[in-house]
Protein backbone atom coordinates (compact mmCIF):
# COMPACT_ATOMS: atom_id res chain seq x y z
CA UNK A 1 43.87 52.95 -23.26
CA UNK A 2 47.37 52.92 -22.11
CA UNK A 3 46.84 56.18 -20.12
CA UNK A 4 44.04 54.55 -18.00
CA UNK A 5 46.45 51.50 -17.43
CA UNK A 6 49.24 53.90 -16.36
CA UNK A 7 46.87 55.74 -14.08
CA UNK A 8 45.71 52.61 -12.37
CA UNK A 9 49.30 51.32 -11.96
CA UNK A 10 50.30 54.70 -10.46
CA UNK A 11 47.38 54.55 -7.93
CA UNK A 12 48.21 50.83 -7.16
CA UNK A 13 51.99 51.88 -6.56
CA UNK A 14 51.24 54.95 -4.48
CA UNK A 15 48.78 53.02 -2.25
CA UNK A 16 51.24 50.20 -1.85
CA UNK A 17 54.00 52.58 -0.88
CA UNK A 18 51.96 54.50 1.57
CA UNK A 19 50.78 51.32 3.37
CA UNK A 20 53.93 49.27 3.05
CA UNK A 21 52.23 46.33 1.37
CA UNK A 22 53.05 44.52 -1.99
CA UNK A 23 51.53 45.75 -5.10
CA UNK A 24 49.91 42.53 -6.10
CA UNK A 25 48.05 42.68 -2.79
CA UNK A 26 46.83 46.17 -3.57
CA UNK A 27 45.83 44.94 -6.98
CA UNK A 28 43.67 42.13 -5.56
CA UNK A 29 42.19 44.62 -3.01
CA UNK A 30 41.41 47.11 -5.69
CA UNK A 31 39.85 44.46 -7.92
CA UNK A 32 37.80 42.84 -5.11
CA UNK A 33 36.44 46.21 -3.82
CA UNK A 34 35.64 47.54 -7.52
CA UNK A 35 38.22 50.35 -7.23
CA UNK A 36 39.86 49.25 -10.48
CA UNK A 37 36.60 49.61 -12.34
CA UNK A 38 35.99 53.06 -10.60
CA UNK A 39 39.42 54.32 -11.60
CA UNK A 40 38.60 53.22 -15.12
CA UNK A 41 35.13 54.78 -15.31
CA UNK A 42 36.10 58.01 -13.55
CA UNK A 43 39.50 58.42 -15.33
CA UNK A 44 38.61 61.69 -16.95
CA UNK A 45 37.57 63.28 -13.59
CA UNK A 46 40.44 61.79 -11.41
CA UNK A 47 43.67 61.79 -13.52
CA UNK A 48 44.04 65.49 -13.21
CA UNK A 49 44.03 65.46 -9.44
CA UNK A 50 46.86 64.68 -7.19
CA UNK A 51 47.14 61.34 -5.23
CA UNK A 52 46.04 62.98 -2.04
CA UNK A 53 42.70 63.96 -3.52
CA UNK A 54 42.11 60.57 -5.06
CA UNK A 55 43.08 58.90 -1.77
CA UNK A 56 40.53 60.61 0.24
C-alpha cells in the first residue's frame, strides 16, 4: 500500500514541478480527473516506467 502512495506522491510532485503549480492544486486536479484512481489501478504497469512515459 505504501508503495502505491509513494508513487502517487512522486507523480504529483513531478507534475507540480514541471508546471510550476502547488502540489495541492495538482492533487485536486488528479482527483477530479480520476488520475489518482488510474495511478492506483495501473500501478503495476506504470511504476516501472519513467515519468516521461507516464506523463505522455
